[in-house]
Amino acid sequence: MSAEKRLQELNLELPPAAKPMGVYRPAVIIDRLVYTSGHGPLQNDGSLLTGRIGEEVGQQEGYAAARQTGLALLATLREELGSLDRIARLIKLLGMVNCTADFDQHPAVINGCSELFAEVFGPDHGLGARSAVGVGSLPGNITVEIEAIFELK
């Protein structure tokens, strides 16, 4: 099934595609690869989910922020490619979690994005290699930042 149809079936609404907050491109296409810049948990109203896990927000809120970041990544991909159906597979995901030094469940937080991509692209094409790390801060105190590499059809 196509990724666009899966979005409809899952009743998922993408936020507006993120505008650069600096001097960079949201995505770069080289041959059959799409490299996305780091994205944050952009909501449909244009606001960002913020808060440091272990301080202002909990692990489940971090998971939800990672899922929302995945939707923001999909919005950028759709804008850049015209359709998510041009995606062959996810290759690599890097998730950064804004958290306290004693928080060590980074993978559980980034699962919010990974599970979304598996739902949209299927388990064979929506899961790739992945790193999930904790960081002391992120721009604007966003809860997570995620970047990805996808293969095009």
Protein backbone atom coordinates (compact mmCIF):
# COMPACT_ATOMS: atom_id res chain seq x y z
CA MET A 1 0.00 0.00 0.00
CA SER A 2 1.20 3.52 -0.73
CA ALA A 3 2.47 5.76 2.05
CA GLU A 4 -0.05 8.46 1.09
CA LYS A 5 -2.93 5.98 1.44
CA ARG A 6 -1.55 4.77 4.78
CA LEU A 7 -1.56 8.36 6.06
CA GLN A 8 -5.24 8.61 5.16
CA GLU A 9 -6.07 5.22 6.67
CA LEU A 10 -4.29 6.12 9.90
CA ASN A 11 -6.11 9.49 9.91
CA LEU A 12 -2.81 11.34 10.33
CA GLU A 13 -2.58 15.06 9.68
CA LEU A 14 0.78 16.52 8.76
CA PRO A 15 1.80 19.90 10.15
CA PRO A 16 2.90 22.61 7.72
CA ALA A 17 6.35 21.89 6.30
CA ALA A 18 8.99 23.49 8.52
CA LYS A 19 10.69 26.64 7.36
CA PRO A 20 14.46 26.85 7.99
CA MET A 21 15.35 28.54 11.27
CA GLY A 22 18.87 29.27 10.04
CA VAL A 23 21.05 29.02 6.97
CA TYR A 24 20.30 25.50 5.69
CA ARG A 25 17.88 23.47 3.57
CA PRO A 26 15.21 21.26 5.18
CA ALA A 27 16.18 18.45 2.79
CA VAL A 28 18.86 17.76 0.20
CA ILE A 29 18.49 15.18 -2.58
CA ILE A 30 21.59 13.49 -3.97
CA ASP A 31 21.04 10.78 -6.55
CA ARG A 32 18.48 8.45 -4.91
CA LEU A 33 19.02 9.65 -1.34
CA VAL A 34 17.15 12.33 0.63
CA TYR A 35 18.97 13.78 3.64
CA THR A 36 16.77 15.75 6.01
CA SER A 37 17.99 18.41 8.38
CA GLY A 38 17.18 18.06 12.04
CA HIS A 39 13.46 18.59 12.68
CA GLY A 40 11.65 19.36 15.89
CA PRO A 41 8.15 18.47 17.13
CA LEU A 42 6.25 20.97 14.97
CA GLN A 43 2.53 20.95 15.65
CA ASN A 44 -0.29 21.76 13.22
CA ASP A 45 -0.65 25.28 14.64
CA GLY A 46 3.04 26.01 13.97
CA SER A 47 4.15 25.78 17.60
CA LEU A 48 6.81 23.39 18.86
CA LEU A 49 6.63 20.95 21.76
CA THR A 50 9.21 21.97 24.33
CA GLY A 51 10.59 20.77 27.61
CA ARG A 52 13.45 18.75 28.97
CA ILE A 53 12.67 15.11 29.77
CA GLY A 54 13.28 14.40 33.41
CA GLU A 55 12.64 18.02 34.31
CA GLU A 56 9.59 19.64 32.64
CA VAL A 57 8.21 16.64 30.75
CA GLY A 58 8.04 12.86 31.14
CA GLN A 59 9.09 9.97 28.93
CA GLN A 60 5.60 9.52 27.40
CA GLU A 61 5.50 13.19 26.46
CA GLY A 62 8.92 12.71 24.86
CA TYR A 63 7.58 9.74 22.89
CA ALA A 64 4.67 11.91 21.67
CA ALA A 65 7.13 14.66 20.72
CA ALA A 66 9.20 12.17 18.70
CA ARG A 67 6.05 10.98 16.91
CA GLN A 68 5.13 14.60 16.14
CA THR A 69 8.66 15.18 14.85
CA GLY A 70 8.17 12.22 12.52
CA LEU A 71 5.03 13.89 11.15
CA ALA A 72 7.05 17.09 10.62
CA LEU A 73 9.68 15.10 8.71
CA LEU A 74 6.95 13.58 6.53
CA ALA A 75 5.58 17.07 5.82
CA THR A 76 9.00 18.21 4.61
CA LEU A 77 9.42 15.10 2.48
CA ARG A 78 6.00 15.59 0.88
CA GLU A 79 6.80 19.24 0.12
CA GLU A 80 10.22 18.40 -1.34
CA LEU A 81 9.13 15.31 -3.30
CA GLY A 82 5.48 16.03 -4.12
CA SER A 83 4.40 12.68 -2.66
CA LEU A 84 5.55 10.30 0.05
CA ASP A 85 5.04 7.51 -2.48
CA ARG A 86 8.45 8.43 -3.94
CA ILE A 87 10.11 7.05 -0.79
CA ALA A 88 11.51 3.53 -1.19
CA ARG A 89 12.71 3.12 2.39
CA LEU A 90 14.15 4.70 5.50
CA ILE A 91 17.90 4.17 5.69
CA LYS A 92 19.00 5.94 8.88
CA LEU A 93 17.45 7.89 11.74
CA LEU A 94 19.29 10.01 14.31
CA GLY A 95 17.23 11.07 17.31
CA MET A 96 18.45 13.57 19.89
CA VAL A 97 16.58 13.77 23.20
CA ASN A 98 16.67 16.92 25.34
CA CYS A 99 16.99 15.38 28.80
CA THR A 100 18.57 15.46 32.21
CA ALA A 101 21.89 13.70 32.74
CA ASP A 102 20.27 10.81 34.63
CA PHE A 103 17.65 10.01 31.94
CA ASP A 104 18.73 6.93 29.97
CA GLN A 105 15.66 5.84 28.00
CA HIS A 106 16.52 7.69 24.78
CA PRO A 107 15.58 4.75 22.51
CA ALA A 108 12.12 4.51 24.11
CA VAL A 109 11.53 8.19 23.32
CA ILE A 110 12.73 7.98 19.70
CA ASN A 111 10.49 4.92 19.21
CA GLY A 112 7.71 7.50 18.76
CA CYS A 113 9.17 8.40 15.37
CA SER A 114 10.37 4.90 14.47
CA GLU A 115 6.97 3.34 15.11
CA LEU A 116 5.26 6.07 13.06
CA PHE A 117 7.54 5.40 10.07
CA ALA A 118 6.91 1.65 10.38
CA GLU A 119 3.15 2.35 10.32
CA VAL A 120 3.38 4.63 7.27
CA PHE A 121 5.99 2.81 5.16
CA GLY A 122 5.56 -0.71 6.57
CA PRO A 123 7.99 -2.64 8.78
CA ASP A 124 10.21 -3.67 5.87
CA HIS A 125 10.67 -0.14 4.51
CA GLY A 126 9.92 2.09 7.50
CA LEU A 127 12.62 0.77 9.82
CA GLY A 128 16.26 1.56 9.22
CA ALA A 129 19.47 1.90 11.15
CA ARG A 130 19.10 4.25 14.11
CA SER A 131 20.89 6.14 16.84
CA ALA A 132 19.17 7.70 19.85
CA VAL A 133 21.20 9.94 22.13
CA GLY A 134 20.58 12.28 25.03
CA VAL A 135 21.74 15.88 24.90
CA GLY A 136 21.88 18.64 27.49
CA SER A 137 19.90 21.13 25.39
CA LEU A 138 18.29 21.64 22.00
CA PRO A 139 17.37 24.85 20.12
CA GLY A 140 14.39 26.61 21.69
CA ASN A 141 14.27 23.90 24.38
CA ILE A 142 12.48 21.53 21.95
CA THR A 143 11.98 18.07 23.42
CA VAL A 144 13.55 16.13 20.54
CA GLU A 145 15.33 16.74 17.26
CA ILE A 146 15.44 14.07 14.56
CA GLU A 147 17.15 13.81 11.19
CA ALA A 148 16.84 11.03 8.64
CA ILE A 149 18.13 9.60 5.38
CA PHE A 150 15.69 8.01 2.91
CA GLU A 151 16.13 6.14 -0.36
CA LEU A 152 14.02 7.22 -3.33
CA LYS A 153 12.29 4.84 -5.74
